[in-house]
PDB file of N, CA and C in Angstrom:
ATOM      1  N   MET A   1      94.595 123.849 112.747  1.00  0.00           N
ATOM      2  CA  MET A   1      95.126 123.148 114.192  1.00  0.00           C
ATOM      3  C   MET A   1      95.580 121.923 113.838  1.00  0.00           C
ATOM      4  N   SER A   2      96.837 121.218 114.063  1.00  0.00           N
ATOM      5  CA  SER A   2      97.332 120.403 113.760  1.00  0.00           C
ATOM      6  C   SER A   2      96.415 119.208 114.542  1.00  0.00           C
ATOM      7  N   ILE A   3      96.410 117.382 113.718  1.00  0.00           N
ATOM      8  CA  ILE A   3      95.750 116.528 114.887  1.00  0.00           C
ATOM      9  C   ILE A   3      96.780 116.364 116.413  1.00  0.00           C
ATOM     10  N   GLU A   4      97.960 116.476 116.415  1.00  0.00           N
ATOM     11  CA  GLU A   4      98.634 116.470 117.651  1.00  0.00           C
ATOM     12  C   GLU A   4      98.606 117.412 118.355  1.00  0.00           C
ATOM     13  N   GLU A   5      98.589 119.074 118.170  1.00  0.00           N
ATOM     14  CA  GLU A   5      97.700 119.693 118.552  1.00  0.00           C
ATOM     15  C   GLU A   5      96.499 119.511 119.091  1.00  0.00           C
ATOM     16  N   ARG A   6      95.253 119.297 118.483  1.00  0.00           N
ATOM     17  CA  ARG A   6      94.134 118.792 118.935  1.00  0.00           C
ATOM     18  C   ARG A   6      94.103 117.706 120.289  1.00  0.00           C
ATOM     19  N   LEU A   7      95.265 116.606 119.559  1.00  0.00           N
ATOM     20  CA  LEU A   7      95.193 115.379 120.841  1.00  0.00           C
ATOM     21  C   LEU A   7      95.317 115.735 122.523  1.00  0.00           C
ATOM     22  N   ILE A   8      96.537 116.785 122.296  1.00  0.00           N
ATOM     23  CA  ILE A   8      96.925 117.294 123.626  1.00  0.00           C
ATOM     24  C   ILE A   8      96.178 118.134 124.002  1.00  0.00           C
ATOM     25  N   ARG A   9      95.265 118.800 123.389  1.00  0.00           N
ATOM     26  CA  ARG A   9      94.547 119.980 123.838  1.00  0.00           C
ATOM     27  C   ARG A   9      93.335 118.851 124.752  1.00  0.00           C
ATOM     28  N   ASP A  10      92.804 117.993 123.651  1.00  0.00           N
ATOM     29  CA  ASP A  10      91.780 117.060 124.810  1.00  0.00           C
ATOM     30  C   ASP A  10      92.423 116.087 125.638  1.00  0.00           C
ATOM     31  N   PHE A  11      93.681 115.848 125.202  1.00  0.00           N
ATOM     32  CA  PHE A  11      94.313 114.999 126.355  1.00  0.00           C
ATOM     33  C   PHE A  11      94.192 116.072 127.921  1.00  0.00           C
ATOM     34  N   SER A  12      94.361 116.847 128.040  1.00  0.00           N
ATOM     35  CA  SER A  12      95.428 117.401 128.978  1.00  0.00           C
ATOM     36  C   SER A  12      94.147 117.897 129.616  1.00  0.00           C
ATOM     37  N   THR A  13      92.631 117.898 129.088  1.00  0.00           N
ATOM     38  CA  THR A  13      91.527 118.367 129.793  1.00  0.00           C
ATOM     39  C   THR A  13      90.962 116.860 130.274  1.00  0.00           C
ATOM     40  N   LEU A  14      91.348 115.755 130.027  1.00  0.00           N
ATOM     41  CA  LEU A  14      90.501 114.644 131.018  1.00  0.00           C
ATOM     42  C   LEU A  14      91.216 114.350 131.867  1.00  0.00           C
ATOM     43  N   PRO A  15      90.197 113.387 132.918  1.00  0.00           N
ATOM     44  CA  PRO A  15      90.823 113.101 134.594  1.00  0.00           C
ATOM     45  C   PRO A  15      92.035 111.795 134.245  1.00  0.00           C
ATOM     46  N   GLU A  16      92.459 111.741 135.253  1.00  0.00           N
ATOM     47  CA  GLU A  16      93.683 110.967 135.399  1.00  0.00           C
ATOM     48  C   GLU A  16      93.041 109.609 134.436  1.00  0.00           C
ATOM     49  N   ASP A  17      92.352 108.791 135.332  1.00  0.00           N
ATOM     50  CA  ASP A  17      92.082 107.828 135.012  1.00  0.00           C
ATOM     51  C   ASP A  17      91.685 107.535 133.376  1.00  0.00           C
ATOM     52  N   LYS A  18      90.946 108.847 132.793  1.00  0.00           N
ATOM     53  CA  LYS A  18      91.133 108.406 131.081  1.00  0.00           C
ATOM     54  C   LYS A  18      92.041 108.592 130.654  1.00  0.00           C
ATOM     55  N   LYS A  19      93.060 109.587 131.124  1.00  0.00           N
ATOM     56  CA  LYS A  19      94.422 109.731 130.504  1.00  0.00           C
ATOM     57  C   LYS A  19      94.943 108.068 130.351  1.00  0.00           C
ATOM     58  N   LEU A  20      95.327 107.641 131.000  1.00  0.00           N
ATOM     59  CA  LEU A  20      95.780 105.901 131.542  1.00  0.00           C
ATOM     60  C   LEU A  20      94.856 105.189 130.445  1.00  0.00           C
ATOM     61  N   GLU A  21      93.907 105.481 130.608  1.00  0.00           N
ATOM     62  CA  GLU A  21      92.944 104.731 129.186  1.00  0.00           C
ATOM     63  C   GLU A  21      93.889 104.639 127.790  1.00  0.00           C
ATOM     64  N   VAL A  22      93.633 106.469 127.560  1.00  0.00           N
ATOM     65  CA  VAL A  22      93.848 106.612 126.163  1.00  0.00           C
ATOM     66  C   VAL A  22      95.296 105.979 126.044  1.00  0.00           C
ATOM     67  N   ILE A  23      96.224 106.512 126.828  1.00  0.00           N
ATOM     68  CA  ILE A  23      97.902 105.753 126.846  1.00  0.00           C
ATOM     69  C   ILE A  23      97.926 104.021 126.556  1.00  0.00           C
ATOM     70  N   ASP A  24      96.965 103.666 127.162  1.00  0.00           N
ATOM     71  CA  ASP A  24      96.808 101.887 127.419  1.00  0.00           C
ATOM     72  C   ASP A  24      96.222 101.979 125.386  1.00  0.00           C
ATOM     73  N   PHE A  25      95.943 102.657 125.010  1.00  0.00           N
ATOM     74  CA  PHE A  25      94.394 102.698 123.588  1.00  0.00           C
ATOM     75  C   PHE A  25      96.097 102.656 123.025  1.00  0.00           C
ATOM     76  N   VAL A  26      96.408 103.581 123.076  1.00  0.00           N
ATOM     77  CA  VAL A  26      98.149 104.220 122.070  1.00  0.00           C
ATOM     78  C   VAL A  26      98.590 102.819 122.186  1.00  0.00           C
ATOM     79  N   GLU A  27      99.288 102.475 123.252  1.00  0.00           N
ATOM     80  CA  GLU A  27     100.170 101.347 123.560  1.00  0.00           C
ATOM     81  C   GLU A  27      99.565 100.193 122.764  1.00  0.00           C
ATOM     82  N   PHE A  28      98.373 100.165 122.744  1.00  0.00           N
ATOM     83  CA  PHE A  28      97.612  98.663 121.687  1.00  0.00           C
ATOM     84  C   PHE A  28      97.555  98.934 120.471  1.00  0.00           C
ATOM     85  N   LEU A  29      97.468 100.113 120.262  1.00  0.00           N
ATOM     86  CA  LEU A  29      97.523 100.672 118.528  1.00  0.00           C
ATOM     87  C   LEU A  29      98.811  99.962 118.176  1.00  0.00           C
ATOM     88  N   LYS A  30      99.706 100.555 119.167  1.00  0.00           N
ATOM     89  CA  LYS A  30     101.326 100.483 118.563  1.00  0.00           C
ATOM     90  C   LYS A  30     101.651  98.505 118.044  1.00  0.00           C
ATOM     91  N   SER A  31     101.376  98.340 119.398  1.00  0.00           N
ATOM     92  CA  SER A  31     101.400  96.642 119.143  1.00  0.00           C
ATOM     93  C   SER A  31     100.580  96.218 118.092  1.00  0.00           C
ATOM     94  N   ARG A  32      99.542  96.335 118.132  1.00  0.00           N
ATOM     95  CA  ARG A  32      98.672  96.000 116.648  1.00  0.00           C
ATOM     96  C   ARG A  32      99.605  95.944 115.874  1.00  0.00           C
ATOM     97  N   ASN A  33      99.968  97.602 115.186  1.00  0.00           N
ATOM     98  CA  ASN A  33     100.453  97.608 113.976  1.00  0.00           C
ATOM     99  C   ASN A  33     102.308  96.405 113.724  1.00  0.00           C
ATOM    100  N   GLU A  34     102.777  96.485 115.201  1.00  0.00           N
ATOM    101  CA  GLU A  34     103.867  95.965 115.135  1.00  0.00           C
ATOM    102  C   GLU A  34     103.875  94.448 114.503  1.00  0.00           C
ATOM    103  N   ARG A  35     102.666  93.765 115.366  1.00  0.00           N
ATOM    104  CA  ARG A  35     102.497  92.722 114.854  1.00  0.00           C
ATOM    105  C   ARG A  35     102.173  92.492 113.873  1.00  0.00           C
ATOM    106  N   HIS A  36     101.496  93.620 113.169  1.00  0.00           N
ATOM    107  CA  HIS A  36     101.255  92.917 111.659  1.00  0.00           C
ATOM    108  C   HIS A  36     102.519  93.203 110.689  1.00  0.00           C
ATOM    109  N   LEU A  37     103.598  93.935 111.367  1.00  0.00           N
ATOM    110  CA  LEU A  37     104.410  94.651 110.177  1.00  0.00           C
ATOM    111  C   LEU A  37     105.501  92.785 110.225  1.00  0.00           C
ATOM    112  N   ASP A  38     105.152  92.561 111.499  1.00  0.00           N
ATOM    113  CA  ASP A  38     106.154  91.181 111.762  1.00  0.00           C
ATOM    114  C   ASP A  38     105.544  89.927 111.046  1.00  0.00           C
ATOM    115  N   SER A  39     103.959  89.996 110.698  1.00  0.00           N
ATOM    116  CA  SER A  39     103.502  89.094 110.050  1.00  0.00           C
ATOM    117  C   SER A  39     103.762  89.175 108.769  1.00  0.00           C
ATOM    118  N   LEU A  40     103.842  90.503 107.804  1.00  0.00           N
ATOM    119  CA  LEU A  40     103.758  90.864 106.781  1.00  0.00           C
ATOM    120  C   LEU A  40     105.239  90.742 106.192  1.00  0.00           C
ATOM    121  N   MET A  41     106.504  90.642 107.138  1.00  0.00           N
ATOM    122  CA  MET A  41     107.781  90.108 106.876  1.00  0.00           C
ATOM    123  C   MET A  41     107.906  88.578 106.897  1.00  0.00           C
ATOM    124  N   ASP A  42     106.975  88.093 107.779  1.00  0.00           N
ATOM    125  CA  ASP A  42     107.236  86.265 107.894  1.00  0.00           C
ATOM    126  C   ASP A  42     106.697  86.256 106.421  1.00  0.00           C
ATOM    127  N   GLU A  43     105.757  86.559 105.930  1.00  0.00           N
ATOM    128  CA  GLU A  43     104.990  86.458 104.641  1.00  0.00           C
ATOM    129  C   GLU A  43     106.017  86.289 103.330  1.00  0.00           C
ATOM    130  N   ILE A  44     106.471  87.497 103.546  1.00  0.00           N
ATOM    131  CA  ILE A  44     107.575  87.903 102.738  1.00  0.00           C
ATOM    132  C   ILE A  44     108.749  86.974 102.198  1.00  0.00           C
ATOM    133  N   ILE A  45     109.074  86.584 103.357  1.00  0.00           N
ATOM    134  CA  ILE A  45     110.174  85.748 103.840  1.00  0.00           C
ATOM    135  C   ILE A  45     109.717  84.240 102.892  1.00  0.00           C
ATOM    136  N   HIS A  46     108.827  84.029 103.555  1.00  0.00           N
ATOM    137  CA  HIS A  46     107.896  82.655 103.368  1.00  0.00           C
ATOM    138  C   HIS A  46     107.853  82.716 101.635  1.00  0.00           C
ATOM    139  N   GLU A  47     107.191  83.892 101.041  1.00  0.00           N
ATOM    140  CA  GLU A  47     106.972  83.512  99.393  1.00  0.00           C
ATOM    141  C   GLU A  47     108.745  84.041  98.757  1.00  0.00           C
ATOM    142  N   ASN A  48     109.336  84.080  99.757  1.00  0.00           N
ATOM    143  CA  ASN A  48     111.068  84.704  98.591  1.00  0.00           C
ATOM    144  C   ASN A  48     112.316  83.513  98.917  1.00  0.00           C
ATOM    145  N   ASN A  49     111.897  82.998 100.025  1.00  0.00           N
ATOM    146  CA  ASN A  49     112.403  81.633 100.694  1.00  0.00           C
ATOM    147  C   ASN A  49     113.569  81.071  99.491  1.00  0.00           C
ATOM    148  N   ASP A  50     113.352  80.473  98.553  1.00  0.00           N
ATOM    149  CA  ASP A  50     113.993  80.140  97.310  1.00  0.00           C
ATOM    150  C   ASP A  50     115.166  81.403  97.287  1.00  0.00           C
ATOM    151  N   ALA A  51     114.743  82.534  96.926  1.00  0.00           N
ATOM    152  CA  ALA A  51     115.503  83.555  96.010  1.00  0.00           C
ATOM    153  C   ALA A  51     116.173  83.931  97.351  1.00  0.00           C
ATOM    154  N   LEU A  52     115.826  84.466  98.598  1.00  0.00           N
ATOM    155  CA  LEU A  52     117.176  84.473  99.565  1.00  0.00           C
ATOM    156  C   LEU A  52     117.810  83.505  99.929  1.00  0.00           C
ATOM    157  N   ASN A  53     117.881  81.777  99.936  1.00  0.00           N
ATOM    158  CA  ASN A  53     118.773  80.454 100.091  1.00  0.00           C
ATOM    159  C   ASN A  53     119.340  81.066  98.816  1.00  0.00           C
ATOM    160  N   GLU A  54     118.904  81.424  97.552  1.00  0.00           N
ATOM    161  CA  GLU A  54     120.374  81.546  96.209  1.00  0.00           C
ATOM    162  C   GLU A  54     121.369  82.526  96.469  1.00  0.00           C
ATOM    163  N   LEU A  55     120.615  83.556  97.164  1.00  0.00           N
ATOM    164  CA  LEU A  55     121.372  84.903  97.803  1.00  0.00           C
ATOM    165  C   LEU A  55     122.489  84.586  98.661  1.00  0.00           C
ATOM    166  N   ALA A  56     122.142  84.009  99.488  1.00  0.00           N
ATOM    167  CA  ALA A  56     122.837  83.552 100.852  1.00  0.00           C
ATOM    168  C   ALA A  56     124.104  82.480 100.611  1.00  0.00           C
ATOM    169  N   LYS A  57     124.100  82.235  99.420  1.00  0.00           N
ATOM    170  CA  LYS A  57     125.237  81.048  99.229  1.00  0.00           C
ATOM    171  C   LYS A  57     126.416  82.023  98.659  1.00  0.00           C
TER     172      LYS A  57
END
């Protein structure tokens, strides 16, 4: 059984209020991951600012 199948199986047995908590947690994880990626991109741009400016010419 795949992870997705296990999640759906277990999720379907939860009461509605717990399902909402699971959804909130998943959204939190997605948001945290997006913020991490934004931070990495900012760091890459900062570290390579001179090279990027040269390429922009």
